[in-house]
Amino acid sequence: MNATHTQAARNHRNLTVSKTGYGHWRITCTYYGKRISTVTTDSVSVDNYHSDEYDRNREGYRILNGYKSLCSQIINAHKK
């Protein structure tokens, strides 16, 4: 999935992350006008998405990396 830093900062796909249990999160986003969701255990992506906007790592913005990873997980779970 491709996304820009601006799309991630503005939450273009209305990504929501809610804790469902120990080490599990329900992630939901809008895809082609529908709300789809899945459960993930990817704590690194969740932490990246919830990080400070100006916190950088070698690959670029952490928020963008987390946003793209979580949205991709949701979309891939529904393509099966």
C-alpha atoms as a PDB file:
ATOM      1  CA  MET A   1       0.000   0.000   0.000  1.00  0.00           C
ATOM      2  CA  ASN A   2       1.308   3.432  -0.886  1.00  0.00           C
ATOM      3  CA  ALA A   3       0.708   6.439   1.337  1.00  0.00           C
ATOM      4  CA  THR A   4       2.328   9.786   1.910  1.00  0.00           C
ATOM      5  CA  HIS A   5       3.297  11.305   5.225  1.00  0.00           C
ATOM      6  CA  THR A   6       0.446  13.816   4.839  1.00  0.00           C
ATOM      7  CA  GLN A   7      -2.109  11.022   4.331  1.00  0.00           C
ATOM      8  CA  ALA A   8      -0.810   9.215   7.410  1.00  0.00           C
ATOM      9  CA  ALA A   9      -0.827  12.384   9.529  1.00  0.00           C
ATOM     10  CA  ARG A  10      -4.408  13.199   8.433  1.00  0.00           C
ATOM     11  CA  ASN A  11      -5.473   9.549   8.800  1.00  0.00           C
ATOM     12  CA  HIS A  12      -6.772   9.332   5.219  1.00  0.00           C
ATOM     13  CA  ARG A  13      -8.182   5.802   5.675  1.00  0.00           C
ATOM     14  CA  ASN A  14      -9.690   6.494   9.141  1.00  0.00           C
ATOM     15  CA  LEU A  15      -7.410   3.931  10.777  1.00  0.00           C
ATOM     16  CA  THR A  16      -8.394   3.051  14.337  1.00  0.00           C
ATOM     17  CA  VAL A  17      -6.458   0.875  16.762  1.00  0.00           C
ATOM     18  CA  SER A  18      -8.103  -0.514  19.893  1.00  0.00           C
ATOM     19  CA  LYS A  19      -6.647  -2.944  22.391  1.00  0.00           C
ATOM     20  CA  THR A  20      -8.613  -6.200  22.621  1.00  0.00           C
ATOM     21  CA  GLY A  21      -6.393  -8.216  24.939  1.00  0.00           C
ATOM     22  CA  TYR A  22      -2.846  -8.858  26.024  1.00  0.00           C
ATOM     23  CA  GLY A  23      -0.716  -8.169  22.935  1.00  0.00           C
ATOM     24  CA  HIS A  24      -3.712  -8.017  20.564  1.00  0.00           C
ATOM     25  CA  TRP A  25      -5.222  -5.001  18.810  1.00  0.00           C
ATOM     26  CA  ARG A  26      -8.258  -4.646  16.539  1.00  0.00           C
ATOM     27  CA  ILE A  27      -7.271  -2.463  13.600  1.00  0.00           C
ATOM     28  CA  THR A  28      -9.947  -0.975  11.351  1.00  0.00           C
ATOM     29  CA  CYS A  29      -9.757   1.211   8.253  1.00  0.00           C
ATOM     30  CA  THR A  30     -11.890   2.426   5.359  1.00  0.00           C
ATOM     31  CA  TYR A  31     -11.217   0.614   2.078  1.00  0.00           C
ATOM     32  CA  TYR A  32     -13.280   1.396  -1.035  1.00  0.00           C
ATOM     33  CA  GLY A  33     -15.948   3.018   1.127  1.00  0.00           C
ATOM     34  CA  LYS A  34     -16.316   0.088   3.552  1.00  0.00           C
ATOM     35  CA  ARG A  35     -14.993  -0.304   7.095  1.00  0.00           C
ATOM     36  CA  ILE A  36     -12.906  -3.481   7.342  1.00  0.00           C
ATOM     37  CA  SER A  37     -10.939  -4.796  10.301  1.00  0.00           C
ATOM     38  CA  THR A  38      -8.695  -7.551  11.575  1.00  0.00           C
ATOM     39  CA  VAL A  39      -6.800  -8.432  14.740  1.00  0.00           C
ATOM     40  CA  THR A  40      -3.041  -7.999  14.888  1.00  0.00           C
ATOM     41  CA  THR A  41      -0.210  -8.799  17.290  1.00  0.00           C
ATOM     42  CA  ASP A  42       2.220  -6.459  15.526  1.00  0.00           C
ATOM     43  CA  SER A  43       3.195  -4.264  18.464  1.00  0.00           C
ATOM     44  CA  VAL A  44       6.018  -2.587  16.536  1.00  0.00           C
ATOM     45  CA  SER A  45       3.639  -1.178  13.910  1.00  0.00           C
ATOM     46  CA  VAL A  46       1.141  -0.104  16.586  1.00  0.00           C
ATOM     47  CA  ASP A  47       3.910   1.694  18.504  1.00  0.00           C
ATOM     48  CA  ASN A  48       5.181   3.323  15.303  1.00  0.00           C
ATOM     49  CA  TYR A  49       1.699   4.556  14.403  1.00  0.00           C
ATOM     50  CA  HIS A  50       1.187   6.025  17.888  1.00  0.00           C
ATOM     51  CA  SER A  51       4.644   7.645  18.001  1.00  0.00           C
ATOM     52  CA  ASP A  52       5.410  11.360  18.043  1.00  0.00           C
ATOM     53  CA  GLU A  53       5.157  12.894  14.549  1.00  0.00           C
ATOM     54  CA  TYR A  54       8.722  14.215  14.668  1.00  0.00           C
ATOM     55  CA  ASP A  55      10.279  10.962  15.898  1.00  0.00           C
ATOM     56  CA  ARG A  56      12.372   9.642  13.007  1.00  0.00           C
ATOM     57  CA  ASN A  57      14.184   6.412  12.307  1.00  0.00           C
ATOM     58  CA  ARG A  58      16.494   5.457   9.425  1.00  0.00           C
ATOM     59  CA  GLU A  59      13.622   4.677   7.023  1.00  0.00           C
ATOM     60  CA  GLY A  60      11.741   7.934   7.565  1.00  0.00           C
ATOM     61  CA  TYR A  61       8.757   8.811   9.691  1.00  0.00           C
ATOM     62  CA  ARG A  62       7.661   6.167  12.158  1.00  0.00           C
ATOM     63  CA  ILE A  63       4.005   7.182  11.858  1.00  0.00           C
ATOM     64  CA  LEU A  64       4.076   6.586   8.097  1.00  0.00           C
ATOM     65  CA  ASN A  65       5.718   3.180   8.495  1.00  0.00           C
ATOM     66  CA  GLY A  66       3.184   2.104  11.115  1.00  0.00           C
ATOM     67  CA  TYR A  67       0.246   3.484   9.123  1.00  0.00           C
ATOM     68  CA  LYS A  68       1.260   1.683   5.930  1.00  0.00           C
ATOM     69  CA  SER A  69       1.959  -1.565   7.749  1.00  0.00           C
ATOM     70  CA  LEU A  70      -1.335  -1.636   9.653  1.00  0.00           C
ATOM     71  CA  CYS A  71      -3.462  -0.665   6.636  1.00  0.00           C
ATOM     72  CA  SER A  72      -1.698  -3.306   4.530  1.00  0.00           C
ATOM     73  CA  GLN A  73      -2.390  -5.975   7.160  1.00  0.00           C
ATOM     74  CA  ILE A  74      -6.107  -5.133   7.125  1.00  0.00           C
ATOM     75  CA  ILE A  75      -6.346  -5.057   3.324  1.00  0.00           C
ATOM     76  CA  ASN A  76      -4.389  -8.311   2.917  1.00  0.00           C
ATOM     77  CA  ALA A  77      -6.565 -10.078   5.497  1.00  0.00           C
ATOM     78  CA  HIS A  78      -9.665  -9.244   3.413  1.00  0.00           C
ATOM     79  CA  LYS A  79      -8.242 -10.226   0.027  1.00  0.00           C
ATOM     80  CA  LYS A  80      -8.287 -13.933   0.878  1.00  0.00           C
END
